[in-house]
Amino acid sequence: MARRYAKALLSLGEDEGRLDALTREVRTLGDAVASSAELRSLLASPVIPQESRHAVMNDIAARLGLSASVRAAALLLTDRRRGAEIPAVASALEALVDERSGKVKAEVTSAAPLTDAQALRVQASLEKLTGRKIALSRKVDAALIGGVVARVGDRVFDGSVRTRLEQLRAAALAS
């Protein structure tokens, strides 16, 4: 469902010639909805009258300064009791935009926070390995001991000390 709405927003953004701005607005709205369980519940509730849900979404759109296009899409989702799914629509839209531009998302987990220079080196290495542009997100997991684990789509590149130690342990036990 989210992908269907995201495709419509992608087409709308391209038609208006403001795809990047539209994507940012949808992400901002998605973050606002995701940050409040109460809001998600209100937007999805069949008990709350449509006019009330509509008024709440109009208020949020005004506070966030959303364009008429994004406001109309948000109200459409709200009217169909799918307002709680706006964060999923925002994620699907970002994925479609990245796919269209040839970018792929990569999640890099390291034992300690990466510096910007280290992140750029990891990104360059992943771009060389995959042959695609990489949009990098970073996470920290001290359990890795050292090194990094990168997840690009369904591929995992594991360069962690923890995994290497596990491999050495398995090899020693097998001998």
C-alpha atoms as a PDB file:
ATOM      1  CA  MET A   1       0.000   0.000   0.000  1.00  0.00           C
ATOM      2  CA  ALA A   2       2.705   2.510   0.964  1.00  0.00           C
ATOM      3  CA  ARG A   3       4.574   1.899  -2.276  1.00  0.00           C
ATOM      4  CA  ARG A   4       1.447   2.648  -4.338  1.00  0.00           C
ATOM      5  CA  TYR A   5       1.017   6.047  -2.662  1.00  0.00           C
ATOM      6  CA  ALA A   6       4.765   6.667  -2.934  1.00  0.00           C
ATOM      7  CA  LYS A   7       4.633   6.027  -6.687  1.00  0.00           C
ATOM      8  CA  ALA A   8       1.845   8.570  -7.024  1.00  0.00           C
ATOM      9  CA  LEU A   9       3.860  11.120  -5.031  1.00  0.00           C
ATOM     10  CA  LEU A  10       6.948  10.384  -7.132  1.00  0.00           C
ATOM     11  CA  SER A  11       4.978  11.065 -10.294  1.00  0.00           C
ATOM     12  CA  LEU A  12       3.503  14.226  -8.790  1.00  0.00           C
ATOM     13  CA  GLY A  13       6.939  15.485  -7.728  1.00  0.00           C
ATOM     14  CA  GLU A  14       8.344  14.850 -11.193  1.00  0.00           C
ATOM     15  CA  ASP A  15       5.371  16.538 -12.879  1.00  0.00           C
ATOM     16  CA  GLU A  16       5.770  19.600 -10.652  1.00  0.00           C
ATOM     17  CA  GLY A  17       9.550  19.602 -11.125  1.00  0.00           C
ATOM     18  CA  ARG A  18      10.143  19.629  -7.378  1.00  0.00           C
ATOM     19  CA  LEU A  19      10.755  15.998  -6.476  1.00  0.00           C
ATOM     20  CA  ASP A  20      13.519  16.702  -3.941  1.00  0.00           C
ATOM     21  CA  ALA A  21      11.455  19.307  -2.078  1.00  0.00           C
ATOM     22  CA  LEU A  22       8.367  17.089  -2.115  1.00  0.00           C
ATOM     23  CA  THR A  23      10.382  14.144  -0.783  1.00  0.00           C
ATOM     24  CA  ARG A  24      11.776  16.290   2.063  1.00  0.00           C
ATOM     25  CA  GLU A  25       8.270  17.498   2.953  1.00  0.00           C
ATOM     26  CA  VAL A  26       6.859  13.975   2.992  1.00  0.00           C
ATOM     27  CA  ARG A  27       9.811  12.845   5.179  1.00  0.00           C
ATOM     28  CA  THR A  28       9.177  15.745   7.587  1.00  0.00           C
ATOM     29  CA  LEU A  29       5.508  14.798   7.822  1.00  0.00           C
ATOM     30  CA  GLY A  30       6.405  11.116   8.196  1.00  0.00           C
ATOM     31  CA  ASP A  31       8.780  11.924  11.064  1.00  0.00           C
ATOM     32  CA  ALA A  32       6.090  13.992  12.775  1.00  0.00           C
ATOM     33  CA  VAL A  33       3.558  11.165  12.520  1.00  0.00           C
ATOM     34  CA  ALA A  34       6.103   8.525  13.554  1.00  0.00           C
ATOM     35  CA  SER A  35       7.046  10.488  16.677  1.00  0.00           C
ATOM     36  CA  SER A  36       3.548  10.315  18.182  1.00  0.00           C
ATOM     37  CA  ALA A  37       1.711   7.068  18.894  1.00  0.00           C
ATOM     38  CA  GLU A  38      -1.313   9.125  19.911  1.00  0.00           C
ATOM     39  CA  LEU A  39      -1.369  10.885  16.536  1.00  0.00           C
ATOM     40  CA  ARG A  40      -1.022   7.606  14.620  1.00  0.00           C
ATOM     41  CA  SER A  41      -3.893   6.150  16.631  1.00  0.00           C
ATOM     42  CA  LEU A  42      -6.084   9.208  15.984  1.00  0.00           C
ATOM     43  CA  LEU A  43      -5.361   9.171  12.238  1.00  0.00           C
ATOM     44  CA  ALA A  44      -6.219   5.483  11.872  1.00  0.00           C
ATOM     45  CA  SER A  45      -9.224   5.384  14.192  1.00  0.00           C
ATOM     46  CA  PRO A  46     -12.634   4.665  12.663  1.00  0.00           C
ATOM     47  CA  VAL A  47     -14.205   6.106  15.824  1.00  0.00           C
ATOM     48  CA  ILE A  48     -12.809   9.614  15.345  1.00  0.00           C
ATOM     49  CA  PRO A  49     -14.982  11.572  12.893  1.00  0.00           C
ATOM     50  CA  GLN A  50     -13.400  12.298   9.529  1.00  0.00           C
ATOM     51  CA  GLU A  51     -13.782  16.045  10.066  1.00  0.00           C
ATOM     52  CA  SER A  52     -11.706  15.838  13.257  1.00  0.00           C
ATOM     53  CA  ARG A  53      -8.967  13.787  11.622  1.00  0.00           C
ATOM     54  CA  HIS A  54      -9.031  16.191   8.690  1.00  0.00           C
ATOM     55  CA  ALA A  55      -8.715  19.222  11.021  1.00  0.00           C
ATOM     56  CA  VAL A  56      -5.776  17.663  12.879  1.00  0.00           C
ATOM     57  CA  MET A  57      -3.940  16.894   9.634  1.00  0.00           C
ATOM     58  CA  ASN A  58      -4.638  20.396   8.295  1.00  0.00           C
ATOM     59  CA  ASP A  59      -3.195  21.849  11.506  1.00  0.00           C
ATOM     60  CA  ILE A  60      -0.062  19.663  11.256  1.00  0.00           C
ATOM     61  CA  ALA A  61       0.389  20.543   7.580  1.00  0.00           C
ATOM     62  CA  ALA A  62       0.106  24.258   8.364  1.00  0.00           C
ATOM     63  CA  ARG A  63       2.600  24.032  11.253  1.00  0.00           C
ATOM     64  CA  LEU A  64       5.087  22.147   9.069  1.00  0.00           C
ATOM     65  CA  GLY A  65       4.593  24.562   6.166  1.00  0.00           C
ATOM     66  CA  LEU A  66       3.747  21.796   3.707  1.00  0.00           C
ATOM     67  CA  SER A  67       3.041  22.601   0.069  1.00  0.00           C
ATOM     68  CA  ALA A  68      -0.462  22.241  -1.327  1.00  0.00           C
ATOM     69  CA  SER A  69       0.501  18.967  -3.047  1.00  0.00           C
ATOM     70  CA  VAL A  70       1.827  17.277   0.087  1.00  0.00           C
ATOM     71  CA  ARG A  71      -1.057  18.657   2.155  1.00  0.00           C
ATOM     72  CA  ALA A  72      -3.553  17.199  -0.344  1.00  0.00           C
ATOM     73  CA  ALA A  73      -1.813  13.805  -0.260  1.00  0.00           C
ATOM     74  CA  ALA A  74      -1.763  13.843   3.555  1.00  0.00           C
ATOM     75  CA  LEU A  75      -5.462  14.694   3.665  1.00  0.00           C
ATOM     76  CA  LEU A  76      -6.245  11.937   1.159  1.00  0.00           C
ATOM     77  CA  LEU A  77      -4.418   9.405   3.330  1.00  0.00           C
ATOM     78  CA  THR A  78      -6.153  10.778   6.421  1.00  0.00           C
ATOM     79  CA  ASP A  79      -9.588  10.585   4.784  1.00  0.00           C
ATOM     80  CA  ARG A  80      -8.924   6.944   3.919  1.00  0.00           C
ATOM     81  CA  ARG A  81      -7.811   6.250   7.522  1.00  0.00           C
ATOM     82  CA  ARG A  82      -4.260   5.602   6.315  1.00  0.00           C
ATOM     83  CA  GLY A  83      -2.676   8.631   7.967  1.00  0.00           C
ATOM     84  CA  ALA A  84      -0.789   6.394  10.395  1.00  0.00           C
ATOM     85  CA  GLU A  85       0.994   4.901   7.377  1.00  0.00           C
ATOM     86  CA  ILE A  86       2.532   8.214   6.288  1.00  0.00           C
ATOM     87  CA  PRO A  87       5.971   7.237   7.707  1.00  0.00           C
ATOM     88  CA  ALA A  88       5.907   4.070   5.562  1.00  0.00           C
ATOM     89  CA  VAL A  89       4.883   6.137   2.516  1.00  0.00           C
ATOM     90  CA  ALA A  90       7.787   8.527   3.202  1.00  0.00           C
ATOM     91  CA  SER A  91      10.249   5.624   3.389  1.00  0.00           C
ATOM     92  CA  ALA A  92       8.853   4.066   0.208  1.00  0.00           C
ATOM     93  CA  LEU A  93       9.088   7.421  -1.595  1.00  0.00           C
ATOM     94  CA  GLU A  94      12.720   7.861  -0.532  1.00  0.00           C
ATOM     95  CA  ALA A  95      13.492   4.335  -1.749  1.00  0.00           C
ATOM     96  CA  LEU A  96      11.864   5.048  -5.122  1.00  0.00           C
ATOM     97  CA  VAL A  97      13.756   8.330  -5.494  1.00  0.00           C
ATOM     98  CA  ASP A  98      17.032   6.596  -4.617  1.00  0.00           C
ATOM     99  CA  GLU A  99      16.246   3.759  -7.024  1.00  0.00           C
ATOM    100  CA  ARG A 100      15.450   6.211  -9.798  1.00  0.00           C
ATOM    101  CA  SER A 101      18.715   8.087  -9.256  1.00  0.00           C
ATOM    102  CA  GLY A 102      20.753   4.872  -9.072  1.00  0.00           C
ATOM    103  CA  LYS A 103      21.455   5.194  -5.353  1.00  0.00           C
ATOM    104  CA  VAL A 104      21.231   2.314  -2.959  1.00  0.00           C
ATOM    105  CA  LYS A 105      21.020   2.600   0.824  1.00  0.00           C
ATOM    106  CA  ALA A 106      23.725   1.066   2.940  1.00  0.00           C
ATOM    107  CA  GLU A 107      23.703   0.662   6.686  1.00  0.00           C
ATOM    108  CA  VAL A 108      27.140   0.549   8.240  1.00  0.00           C
ATOM    109  CA  THR A 109      27.521  -0.679  11.794  1.00  0.00           C
ATOM    110  CA  SER A 110      30.800  -0.059  13.579  1.00  0.00           C
ATOM    111  CA  ALA A 111      32.174  -0.763  17.047  1.00  0.00           C
ATOM    112  CA  ALA A 112      32.763   2.966  17.626  1.00  0.00           C
ATOM    113  CA  PRO A 113      31.333   6.023  15.875  1.00  0.00           C
ATOM    114  CA  LEU A 114      32.934   6.605  12.472  1.00  0.00           C
ATOM    115  CA  THR A 115      34.500   9.954  11.728  1.00  0.00           C
ATOM    116  CA  ASP A 116      33.301  11.708   8.585  1.00  0.00           C
ATOM    117  CA  ALA A 117      36.560  10.784   6.834  1.00  0.00           C
ATOM    118  CA  GLN A 118      36.158   7.110   7.774  1.00  0.00           C
ATOM    119  CA  ALA A 119      32.539   7.131   6.615  1.00  0.00           C
ATOM    120  CA  LEU A 120      33.592   8.597   3.262  1.00  0.00           C
ATOM    121  CA  ARG A 121      36.231   5.863   2.838  1.00  0.00           C
ATOM    122  CA  VAL A 122      33.678   3.153   3.671  1.00  0.00           C
ATOM    123  CA  GLN A 123      31.196   4.744   1.271  1.00  0.00           C
ATOM    124  CA  ALA A 124      33.791   4.882  -1.515  1.00  0.00           C
ATOM    125  CA  SER A 125      34.713   1.235  -0.920  1.00  0.00           C
ATOM    126  CA  LEU A 126      31.080   0.153  -1.026  1.00  0.00           C
ATOM    127  CA  GLU A 127      30.493   2.142  -4.209  1.00  0.00           C
ATOM    128  CA  LYS A 128      33.477   0.409  -5.785  1.00  0.00           C
ATOM    129  CA  LEU A 129      32.255  -3.043  -4.632  1.00  0.00           C
ATOM    130  CA  THR A 130      28.654  -2.535  -5.775  1.00  0.00           C
ATOM    131  CA  GLY A 131      29.173  -0.259  -8.758  1.00  0.00           C
ATOM    132  CA  ARG A 132      26.362   1.997  -7.504  1.00  0.00           C
ATOM    133  CA  LYS A 133      26.024   5.267  -5.640  1.00  0.00           C
ATOM    134  CA  ILE A 134      25.627   4.691  -1.900  1.00  0.00           C
ATOM    135  CA  ALA A 135      23.502   6.615   0.597  1.00  0.00           C
ATOM    136  CA  LEU A 136      25.150   5.738   3.905  1.00  0.00           C
ATOM    137  CA  SER A 137      23.544   5.487   7.326  1.00  0.00           C
ATOM    138  CA  ARG A 138      25.614   4.734  10.406  1.00  0.00           C
ATOM    139  CA  LYS A 139      24.998   2.713  13.561  1.00  0.00           C
ATOM    140  CA  VAL A 140      27.200   1.769  16.492  1.00  0.00           C
ATOM    141  CA  ASP A 141      27.364  -1.685  18.116  1.00  0.00           C
ATOM    142  CA  ALA A 142      30.185  -2.116  20.637  1.00  0.00           C
ATOM    143  CA  ALA A 143      29.713  -5.909  20.461  1.00  0.00           C
ATOM    144  CA  LEU A 144      31.539  -5.881  17.107  1.00  0.00           C
ATOM    145  CA  ILE A 145      34.790  -5.211  19.030  1.00  0.00           C
ATOM    146  CA  GLY A 146      36.293  -3.542  15.929  1.00  0.00           C
ATOM    147  CA  GLY A 147      35.805  -3.192  12.190  1.00  0.00           C
ATOM    148  CA  VAL A 148      32.524  -2.624  10.355  1.00  0.00           C
ATOM    149  CA  VAL A 149      29.551  -4.543   9.016  1.00  0.00           C
ATOM    150  CA  ALA A 150      27.883  -3.038   5.952  1.00  0.00           C
ATOM    151  CA  ARG A 151      24.440  -4.060   4.705  1.00  0.00           C
ATOM    152  CA  VAL A 152      23.690  -3.004   1.121  1.00  0.00           C
ATOM    153  CA  GLY A 153      20.266  -4.254   0.095  1.00  0.00           C
ATOM    154  CA  ASP A 154      20.337  -7.974   0.793  1.00  0.00           C
ATOM    155  CA  ARG A 155      24.160  -8.202   0.744  1.00  0.00           C
ATOM    156  CA  VAL A 156      26.248  -8.080   3.912  1.00  0.00           C
ATOM    157  CA  PHE A 157      29.932  -7.208   3.980  1.00  0.00           C
ATOM    158  CA  ASP A 158      31.245  -8.280   7.377  1.00  0.00           C
ATOM    159  CA  GLY A 159      34.648  -6.960   8.351  1.00  0.00           C
ATOM    160  CA  SER A 160      34.122  -7.104  12.097  1.00  0.00           C
ATOM    161  CA  VAL A 161      36.632  -8.439  14.603  1.00  0.00           C
ATOM    162  CA  ARG A 162      33.827 -10.393  16.295  1.00  0.00           C
ATOM    163  CA  THR A 163      33.096 -12.389  13.123  1.00  0.00           C
ATOM    164  CA  ARG A 164      36.784 -12.996  12.453  1.00  0.00           C
ATOM    165  CA  LEU A 165      37.235 -14.311  16.012  1.00  0.00           C
ATOM    166  CA  GLU A 166      34.211 -16.585  15.573  1.00  0.00           C
ATOM    167  CA  GLN A 167      35.697 -17.940  12.326  1.00  0.00           C
ATOM    168  CA  LEU A 168      39.042 -18.604  14.035  1.00  0.00           C
ATOM    169  CA  ARG A 169      37.273 -20.336  16.928  1.00  0.00           C
ATOM    170  CA  ALA A 170      35.267 -22.539  14.530  1.00  0.00           C
ATOM    171  CA  ALA A 171      38.428 -23.434  12.585  1.00  0.00           C
ATOM    172  CA  ALA A 172      40.273 -24.308  15.796  1.00  0.00           C
ATOM    173  CA  LEU A 173      37.428 -26.525  17.002  1.00  0.00           C
ATOM    174  CA  ALA A 174      37.188 -28.269  13.624  1.00  0.00           C
ATOM    175  CA  SER A 175      40.885 -29.240  13.688  1.00  0.00           C
END
